[in-house]
Amino acid sequence: MIDINTWMKVYIRAVRAAFWDRVRYVGLQGSRGRGEAGPDSDIDVVCILDSCSLQDLETYRKAVQDLPDRDKLCGFVSGAAELAAWDPADLFQFRHDTADWYGRLTDLLPPEREEDVRRALHTGACGLYHLCCHNFLHGKSREAVAEAYKSAVFLLQAKAYLEQGTYCRRREDLAQRLTGRNLEILQTAQALKAGECQEDLPALTDRLLAWCRDVICRYGPA
């Protein structure tokens, strides 16, 4: 297993050596940020510069090319102005799932509004609804359904945040706050990830489609 604390310190030294005081922020997202990573998990790093050009991306690529486990590095690189002007609904998950390592993300983002969280949840559910229908009719892919359930977990986090006022980064904490169909969606997502779900495509699709329908109708425009 990667020692993520040591790895992030090496990463920060590398990007700061390349950009100096142009580095505004570094954070960690995903399973490694939540402490839920496996040996093959990606390292989802957020790196925000004062501005970002194609030349900056090339400089970044060279700065990280010799890092240990470079093949696992992914994430988000941006300029500060672009991030500040980003779609607020699209920033919900980004804001809450990013752990600060250098600087504070809240200093770079606009204030969060309830309407932005609602739109993030509604838009995400609409996308999953479409995916379920399209895959059942045309793709017939169990892997696509598994990815859809993975995405649904992020929507469950937004839904719980709206309804209960608490954002749960870790899946085990989220499970304690869910009941009924919401809990079933999370449990199914976890079973699919672990390769322990034996349900067929129709059953999996039906459950997620029904959940998306409820969310779309409840949180759609008044």
C-alpha atoms as a PDB file:
ATOM      1  CA  MET A   1       0.000   0.000   0.000  1.00  0.00           C
ATOM      2  CA  ILE A   2       1.122   3.538  -0.753  1.00  0.00           C
ATOM      3  CA  ASP A   3       1.846   5.697   2.279  1.00  0.00           C
ATOM      4  CA  ILE A   4      -0.330   8.549   1.064  1.00  0.00           C
ATOM      5  CA  ASN A   5       0.979  11.019   3.641  1.00  0.00           C
ATOM      6  CA  THR A   6       4.553  10.577   2.444  1.00  0.00           C
ATOM      7  CA  TRP A   7       3.473  10.501  -1.200  1.00  0.00           C
ATOM      8  CA  MET A   8       1.556  13.768  -0.958  1.00  0.00           C
ATOM      9  CA  LYS A   9       4.528  15.536   0.622  1.00  0.00           C
ATOM     10  CA  VAL A  10       6.718  14.389  -2.276  1.00  0.00           C
ATOM     11  CA  TYR A  11       4.060  15.534  -4.749  1.00  0.00           C
ATOM     12  CA  ILE A  12       3.731  18.985  -3.180  1.00  0.00           C
ATOM     13  CA  ARG A  13       7.504  19.470  -3.224  1.00  0.00           C
ATOM     14  CA  ALA A  14       7.564  18.544  -6.923  1.00  0.00           C
ATOM     15  CA  VAL A  15       4.818  20.935  -8.042  1.00  0.00           C
ATOM     16  CA  ARG A  16       6.067  23.773  -5.878  1.00  0.00           C
ATOM     17  CA  ALA A  17       9.567  23.336  -7.289  1.00  0.00           C
ATOM     18  CA  ALA A  18       8.039  23.657 -10.764  1.00  0.00           C
ATOM     19  CA  PHE A  19       5.642  26.550 -10.083  1.00  0.00           C
ATOM     20  CA  TRP A  20       6.880  28.158  -6.860  1.00  0.00           C
ATOM     21  CA  ASP A  21       4.338  30.590  -5.400  1.00  0.00           C
ATOM     22  CA  ARG A  22       1.991  30.058  -8.353  1.00  0.00           C
ATOM     23  CA  VAL A  23       0.588  27.004  -6.550  1.00  0.00           C
ATOM     24  CA  ARG A  24      -2.576  28.203  -4.838  1.00  0.00           C
ATOM     25  CA  TYR A  25      -3.891  24.898  -3.543  1.00  0.00           C
ATOM     26  CA  VAL A  26      -3.295  21.144  -3.366  1.00  0.00           C
ATOM     27  CA  GLY A  27      -5.922  18.659  -2.160  1.00  0.00           C
ATOM     28  CA  LEU A  28      -6.726  14.967  -2.228  1.00  0.00           C
ATOM     29  CA  GLN A  29     -10.004  13.415  -3.343  1.00  0.00           C
ATOM     30  CA  GLY A  30     -11.503   9.956  -3.773  1.00  0.00           C
ATOM     31  CA  SER A  31     -10.892   6.811  -1.794  1.00  0.00           C
ATOM     32  CA  ARG A  32      -7.393   7.843  -0.700  1.00  0.00           C
ATOM     33  CA  GLY A  33      -8.742  11.112   0.661  1.00  0.00           C
ATOM     34  CA  ARG A  34     -11.444   9.198   2.547  1.00  0.00           C
ATOM     35  CA  GLY A  35      -9.088   6.538   3.895  1.00  0.00           C
ATOM     36  CA  GLU A  36     -10.917   3.809   1.956  1.00  0.00           C
ATOM     37  CA  ALA A  37      -8.310   3.039  -0.719  1.00  0.00           C
ATOM     38  CA  GLY A  38      -7.190  -0.360  -1.934  1.00  0.00           C
ATOM     39  CA  PRO A  39      -3.748  -1.172  -3.383  1.00  0.00           C
ATOM     40  CA  ASP A  40      -4.804  -0.224  -6.914  1.00  0.00           C
ATOM     41  CA  SER A  41      -6.820   2.890  -6.108  1.00  0.00           C
ATOM     42  CA  ASP A  42      -6.099   6.051  -8.061  1.00  0.00           C
ATOM     43  CA  ILE A  43      -4.445   9.029  -6.390  1.00  0.00           C
ATOM     44  CA  ASP A  44      -6.944  11.810  -7.119  1.00  0.00           C
ATOM     45  CA  VAL A  45      -5.031  15.042  -6.586  1.00  0.00           C
ATOM     46  CA  VAL A  46      -6.366  18.567  -7.008  1.00  0.00           C
ATOM     47  CA  CYS A  47      -3.790  21.167  -8.020  1.00  0.00           C
ATOM     48  CA  ILE A  48      -4.883  24.779  -8.456  1.00  0.00           C
ATOM     49  CA  LEU A  49      -2.461  27.303  -9.963  1.00  0.00           C
ATOM     50  CA  ASP A  50      -2.859  31.064 -10.198  1.00  0.00           C
ATOM     51  CA  SER A  51      -3.638  30.492 -13.902  1.00  0.00           C
ATOM     52  CA  CYS A  52      -3.418  27.507 -16.211  1.00  0.00           C
ATOM     53  CA  SER A  53      -2.222  27.405 -19.816  1.00  0.00           C
ATOM     54  CA  LEU A  54      -1.205  24.567 -22.092  1.00  0.00           C
ATOM     55  CA  GLN A  55       2.418  25.340 -21.259  1.00  0.00           C
ATOM     56  CA  ASP A  56       1.574  25.059 -17.569  1.00  0.00           C
ATOM     57  CA  LEU A  57       0.071  21.628 -18.193  1.00  0.00           C
ATOM     58  CA  GLU A  58       3.257  20.581 -19.951  1.00  0.00           C
ATOM     59  CA  THR A  59       5.327  21.882 -17.022  1.00  0.00           C
ATOM     60  CA  TYR A  60       3.071  19.977 -14.622  1.00  0.00           C
ATOM     61  CA  ARG A  61       3.419  16.765 -16.616  1.00  0.00           C
ATOM     62  CA  LYS A  62       7.203  17.002 -16.471  1.00  0.00           C
ATOM     63  CA  ALA A  63       7.136  17.843 -12.754  1.00  0.00           C
ATOM     64  CA  VAL A  64       5.237  14.685 -11.824  1.00  0.00           C
ATOM     65  CA  GLN A  65       6.602  12.246 -14.403  1.00  0.00           C
ATOM     66  CA  ASP A  66       9.147  10.657 -12.068  1.00  0.00           C
ATOM     67  CA  LEU A  67       6.997  10.472  -8.950  1.00  0.00           C
ATOM     68  CA  PRO A  68       6.563   7.035  -7.375  1.00  0.00           C
ATOM     69  CA  ASP A  69       3.369   5.309  -8.540  1.00  0.00           C
ATOM     70  CA  ARG A  70       2.985   7.916 -11.280  1.00  0.00           C
ATOM     71  CA  ASP A  71       0.601   5.558 -13.105  1.00  0.00           C
ATOM     72  CA  LYS A  72      -1.961   6.003 -10.325  1.00  0.00           C
ATOM     73  CA  LEU A  73      -1.887   9.807 -10.356  1.00  0.00           C
ATOM     74  CA  CYS A  74      -4.995  11.468 -11.789  1.00  0.00           C
ATOM     75  CA  GLY A  75      -7.237  14.286 -10.625  1.00  0.00           C
ATOM     76  CA  PHE A  76      -7.872  17.913 -11.478  1.00  0.00           C
ATOM     77  CA  VAL A  77      -5.558  20.770 -12.503  1.00  0.00           C
ATOM     78  CA  SER A  78      -6.981  24.266 -12.977  1.00  0.00           C
ATOM     79  CA  GLY A  79      -6.437  27.979 -12.736  1.00  0.00           C
ATOM     80  CA  ALA A  80      -7.917  29.802  -9.735  1.00  0.00           C
ATOM     81  CA  ALA A  81     -10.115  32.132 -11.808  1.00  0.00           C
ATOM     82  CA  GLU A  82     -11.707  29.276 -13.729  1.00  0.00           C
ATOM     83  CA  LEU A  83     -12.489  27.406 -10.514  1.00  0.00           C
ATOM     84  CA  ALA A  84     -14.045  30.481  -8.906  1.00  0.00           C
ATOM     85  CA  ALA A  85     -16.348  30.868 -11.928  1.00  0.00           C
ATOM     86  CA  TRP A  86     -17.223  27.150 -12.201  1.00  0.00           C
ATOM     87  CA  ASP A  87     -20.838  25.958 -12.237  1.00  0.00           C
ATOM     88  CA  PRO A  88     -21.758  26.075  -8.516  1.00  0.00           C
ATOM     89  CA  ALA A  89     -23.831  22.886  -8.729  1.00  0.00           C
ATOM     90  CA  ASP A  90     -20.869  21.038 -10.201  1.00  0.00           C
ATOM     91  CA  LEU A  91     -18.748  22.161  -7.255  1.00  0.00           C
ATOM     92  CA  PHE A  92     -20.802  20.395  -4.569  1.00  0.00           C
ATOM     93  CA  GLN A  93     -19.024  17.053  -4.649  1.00  0.00           C
ATOM     94  CA  PHE A  94     -15.723  18.722  -5.439  1.00  0.00           C
ATOM     95  CA  ARG A  95     -16.020  20.942  -2.367  1.00  0.00           C
ATOM     96  CA  HIS A  96     -16.976  18.241   0.099  1.00  0.00           C
ATOM     97  CA  ASP A  97     -14.869  15.344  -1.149  1.00  0.00           C
ATOM     98  CA  THR A  98     -11.541  17.227  -1.231  1.00  0.00           C
ATOM     99  CA  ALA A  99      -9.181  17.122   1.737  1.00  0.00           C
ATOM    100  CA  ASP A 100      -6.890  20.147   2.098  1.00  0.00           C
ATOM    101  CA  TRP A 101      -3.138  19.540   1.879  1.00  0.00           C
ATOM    102  CA  TYR A 102      -1.775  22.919   0.853  1.00  0.00           C
ATOM    103  CA  GLY A 103      -3.966  25.989   1.241  1.00  0.00           C
ATOM    104  CA  ARG A 104      -7.720  26.000   1.868  1.00  0.00           C
ATOM    105  CA  LEU A 105     -10.174  25.118  -0.874  1.00  0.00           C
ATOM    106  CA  THR A 106     -12.910  27.252   0.677  1.00  0.00           C
ATOM    107  CA  ASP A 107     -10.773  30.332   0.025  1.00  0.00           C
ATOM    108  CA  LEU A 108     -10.998  29.667  -3.734  1.00  0.00           C
ATOM    109  CA  LEU A 109     -14.683  28.774  -4.073  1.00  0.00           C
ATOM    110  CA  PRO A 110     -17.854  30.870  -3.965  1.00  0.00           C
ATOM    111  CA  PRO A 111     -20.144  30.337  -0.943  1.00  0.00           C
ATOM    112  CA  GLU A 112     -22.299  27.238  -1.163  1.00  0.00           C
ATOM    113  CA  ARG A 113     -26.072  27.723  -1.596  1.00  0.00           C
ATOM    114  CA  GLU A 114     -28.827  25.184  -0.974  1.00  0.00           C
ATOM    115  CA  GLU A 115     -30.150  25.693  -4.505  1.00  0.00           C
ATOM    116  CA  ASP A 116     -26.766  24.609  -5.902  1.00  0.00           C
ATOM    117  CA  VAL A 117     -26.847  21.383  -3.886  1.00  0.00           C
ATOM    118  CA  ARG A 118     -30.411  20.675  -5.020  1.00  0.00           C
ATOM    119  CA  ARG A 119     -29.442  21.193  -8.643  1.00  0.00           C
ATOM    120  CA  ALA A 120     -26.409  18.937  -8.259  1.00  0.00           C
ATOM    121  CA  LEU A 121     -28.653  16.175  -6.916  1.00  0.00           C
ATOM    122  CA  HIS A 122     -31.384  16.676  -9.513  1.00  0.00           C
ATOM    123  CA  THR A 123     -29.039  16.892 -12.493  1.00  0.00           C
ATOM    124  CA  GLY A 124     -27.126  13.814 -11.355  1.00  0.00           C
ATOM    125  CA  ALA A 125     -30.323  11.789 -10.943  1.00  0.00           C
ATOM    126  CA  CYS A 126     -31.486  12.826 -14.418  1.00  0.00           C
ATOM    127  CA  GLY A 127     -28.211  11.603 -15.882  1.00  0.00           C
ATOM    128  CA  LEU A 128     -28.422   8.260 -14.099  1.00  0.00           C
ATOM    129  CA  TYR A 129     -32.055   7.818 -15.143  1.00  0.00           C
ATOM    130  CA  HIS A 130     -31.063   8.262 -18.783  1.00  0.00           C
ATOM    131  CA  LEU A 131     -28.112   5.901 -18.374  1.00  0.00           C
ATOM    132  CA  CYS A 132     -30.318   3.178 -16.869  1.00  0.00           C
ATOM    133  CA  CYS A 133     -32.830   3.383 -19.702  1.00  0.00           C
ATOM    134  CA  HIS A 134     -30.207   3.499 -22.447  1.00  0.00           C
ATOM    135  CA  ASN A 135     -28.171   0.645 -21.007  1.00  0.00           C
ATOM    136  CA  PHE A 136     -31.175  -1.614 -20.445  1.00  0.00           C
ATOM    137  CA  LEU A 137     -32.430  -1.082 -23.992  1.00  0.00           C
ATOM    138  CA  HIS A 138     -29.157  -0.965 -25.893  1.00  0.00           C
ATOM    139  CA  GLY A 139     -25.984  -1.569 -23.891  1.00  0.00           C
ATOM    140  CA  LYS A 140     -27.119  -4.405 -21.616  1.00  0.00           C
ATOM    141  CA  SER A 141     -23.885  -3.947 -19.664  1.00  0.00           C
ATOM    142  CA  ARG A 142     -23.624  -5.016 -16.040  1.00  0.00           C
ATOM    143  CA  GLU A 143     -20.413  -2.990 -15.781  1.00  0.00           C
ATOM    144  CA  ALA A 144     -22.292   0.171 -16.803  1.00  0.00           C
ATOM    145  CA  VAL A 145     -24.873  -0.464 -14.085  1.00  0.00           C
ATOM    146  CA  ALA A 146     -22.097  -0.943 -11.529  1.00  0.00           C
ATOM    147  CA  GLU A 147     -20.648   2.431 -12.518  1.00  0.00           C
ATOM    148  CA  ALA A 148     -24.110   3.976 -12.262  1.00  0.00           C
ATOM    149  CA  TYR A 149     -24.485   2.688  -8.702  1.00  0.00           C
ATOM    150  CA  LYS A 150     -21.050   4.085  -7.886  1.00  0.00           C
ATOM    151  CA  SER A 151     -22.242   7.494  -9.115  1.00  0.00           C
ATOM    152  CA  ALA A 152     -25.456   7.111  -7.124  1.00  0.00           C
ATOM    153  CA  VAL A 153     -23.430   6.981  -3.901  1.00  0.00           C
ATOM    154  CA  PHE A 154     -22.253  10.542  -4.531  1.00  0.00           C
ATOM    155  CA  LEU A 155     -25.875  11.574  -5.022  1.00  0.00           C
ATOM    156  CA  LEU A 156     -26.799   9.858  -1.770  1.00  0.00           C
ATOM    157  CA  GLN A 157     -24.217  12.043  -0.061  1.00  0.00           C
ATOM    158  CA  ALA A 158     -25.829  15.151  -1.535  1.00  0.00           C
ATOM    159  CA  LYS A 159     -29.317  13.933  -0.612  1.00  0.00           C
ATOM    160  CA  ALA A 160     -28.335  13.218   2.980  1.00  0.00           C
ATOM    161  CA  TYR A 161     -26.653  16.618   3.167  1.00  0.00           C
ATOM    162  CA  LEU A 162     -29.800  18.365   1.990  1.00  0.00           C
ATOM    163  CA  GLU A 163     -32.127  16.432   4.254  1.00  0.00           C
ATOM    164  CA  GLN A 164     -29.966  16.078   7.375  1.00  0.00           C
ATOM    165  CA  GLY A 165     -27.353  18.828   7.111  1.00  0.00           C
ATOM    166  CA  THR A 166     -24.378  16.468   7.374  1.00  0.00           C
ATOM    167  CA  TYR A 167     -21.959  15.425   4.653  1.00  0.00           C
ATOM    168  CA  CYS A 168     -20.591  11.904   5.137  1.00  0.00           C
ATOM    169  CA  ARG A 169     -17.356  11.322   3.238  1.00  0.00           C
ATOM    170  CA  ARG A 170     -16.917   7.717   4.388  1.00  0.00           C
ATOM    171  CA  ARG A 171     -19.346   5.082   3.174  1.00  0.00           C
ATOM    172  CA  GLU A 172     -19.709   3.490   6.589  1.00  0.00           C
ATOM    173  CA  ASP A 173     -20.752   6.829   8.094  1.00  0.00           C
ATOM    174  CA  LEU A 174     -23.206   7.411   5.254  1.00  0.00           C
ATOM    175  CA  ALA A 175     -24.788   3.992   5.783  1.00  0.00           C
ATOM    176  CA  GLN A 176     -25.659   4.898   9.366  1.00  0.00           C
ATOM    177  CA  ARG A 177     -27.693   7.881   8.155  1.00  0.00           C
ATOM    178  CA  LEU A 178     -29.691   6.082   5.454  1.00  0.00           C
ATOM    179  CA  THR A 179     -32.838   3.997   5.587  1.00  0.00           C
ATOM    180  CA  GLY A 180     -35.199   2.307   3.144  1.00  0.00           C
ATOM    181  CA  ARG A 181     -34.511   2.605  -0.568  1.00  0.00           C
ATOM    182  CA  ASN A 182     -31.592   4.982   0.009  1.00  0.00           C
ATOM    183  CA  LEU A 183     -29.806   2.373   2.102  1.00  0.00           C
ATOM    184  CA  GLU A 184     -30.596  -0.320  -0.473  1.00  0.00           C
ATOM    185  CA  ILE A 185     -28.891   1.738  -3.182  1.00  0.00           C
ATOM    186  CA  LEU A 186     -25.754   2.144  -1.060  1.00  0.00           C
ATOM    187  CA  GLN A 187     -25.672  -1.533  -0.083  1.00  0.00           C
ATOM    188  CA  THR A 188     -26.090  -2.590  -3.704  1.00  0.00           C
ATOM    189  CA  ALA A 189     -23.269  -0.266  -4.776  1.00  0.00           C
ATOM    190  CA  GLN A 190     -20.993  -1.760  -2.144  1.00  0.00           C
ATOM    191  CA  ALA A 191     -21.902  -5.315  -3.123  1.00  0.00           C
ATOM    192  CA  LEU A 192     -21.215  -4.575  -6.797  1.00  0.00           C
ATOM    193  CA  LYS A 193     -17.850  -3.040  -5.947  1.00  0.00           C
ATOM    194  CA  ALA A 194     -16.887  -6.085  -3.890  1.00  0.00           C
ATOM    195  CA  GLY A 195     -18.069  -8.496  -6.613  1.00  0.00           C
ATOM    196  CA  GLU A 196     -20.616  -9.980  -4.212  1.00  0.00           C
ATOM    197  CA  CYS A 197     -23.863  -8.995  -5.955  1.00  0.00           C
ATOM    198  CA  GLN A 198     -25.677 -11.822  -7.723  1.00  0.00           C
ATOM    199  CA  GLU A 199     -28.707  -9.861  -8.932  1.00  0.00           C
ATOM    200  CA  ASP A 200     -29.405  -9.750 -12.641  1.00  0.00           C
ATOM    201  CA  LEU A 201     -29.476  -6.663 -14.863  1.00  0.00           C
ATOM    202  CA  PRO A 202     -33.283  -6.153 -14.750  1.00  0.00           C
ATOM    203  CA  ALA A 203     -33.381  -6.194 -10.947  1.00  0.00           C
ATOM    204  CA  LEU A 204     -30.436  -3.832 -10.617  1.00  0.00           C
ATOM    205  CA  THR A 205     -31.833  -1.462 -13.218  1.00  0.00           C
ATOM    206  CA  ASP A 206     -35.322  -1.460 -11.729  1.00  0.00           C
ATOM    207  CA  ARG A 207     -34.075  -0.498  -8.256  1.00  0.00           C
ATOM    208  CA  LEU A 208     -31.880   2.346  -9.461  1.00  0.00           C
ATOM    209  CA  LEU A 209     -34.428   3.616 -11.980  1.00  0.00           C
ATOM    210  CA  ALA A 210     -37.107   3.822  -9.284  1.00  0.00           C
ATOM    211  CA  TRP A 211     -34.750   5.678  -6.934  1.00  0.00           C
ATOM    212  CA  CYS A 212     -33.785   8.170  -9.656  1.00  0.00           C
ATOM    213  CA  ARG A 213     -37.446   8.730 -10.498  1.00  0.00           C
ATOM    214  CA  ASP A 214     -38.215   9.633  -6.886  1.00  0.00           C
ATOM    215  CA  VAL A 215     -35.283  12.052  -6.663  1.00  0.00           C
ATOM    216  CA  ILE A 216     -36.077  13.725  -9.998  1.00  0.00           C
ATOM    217  CA  CYS A 217     -39.699  14.323  -9.076  1.00  0.00           C
ATOM    218  CA  ARG A 218     -38.952  15.489  -5.531  1.00  0.00           C
ATOM    219  CA  TYR A 219     -36.057  17.841  -6.273  1.00  0.00           C
ATOM    220  CA  GLY A 220     -37.012  19.070  -9.723  1.00  0.00           C
ATOM    221  CA  PRO A 221     -37.969  22.671 -10.516  1.00  0.00           C
ATOM    222  CA  ALA A 222     -41.047  23.828  -8.635  1.00  0.00           C
END
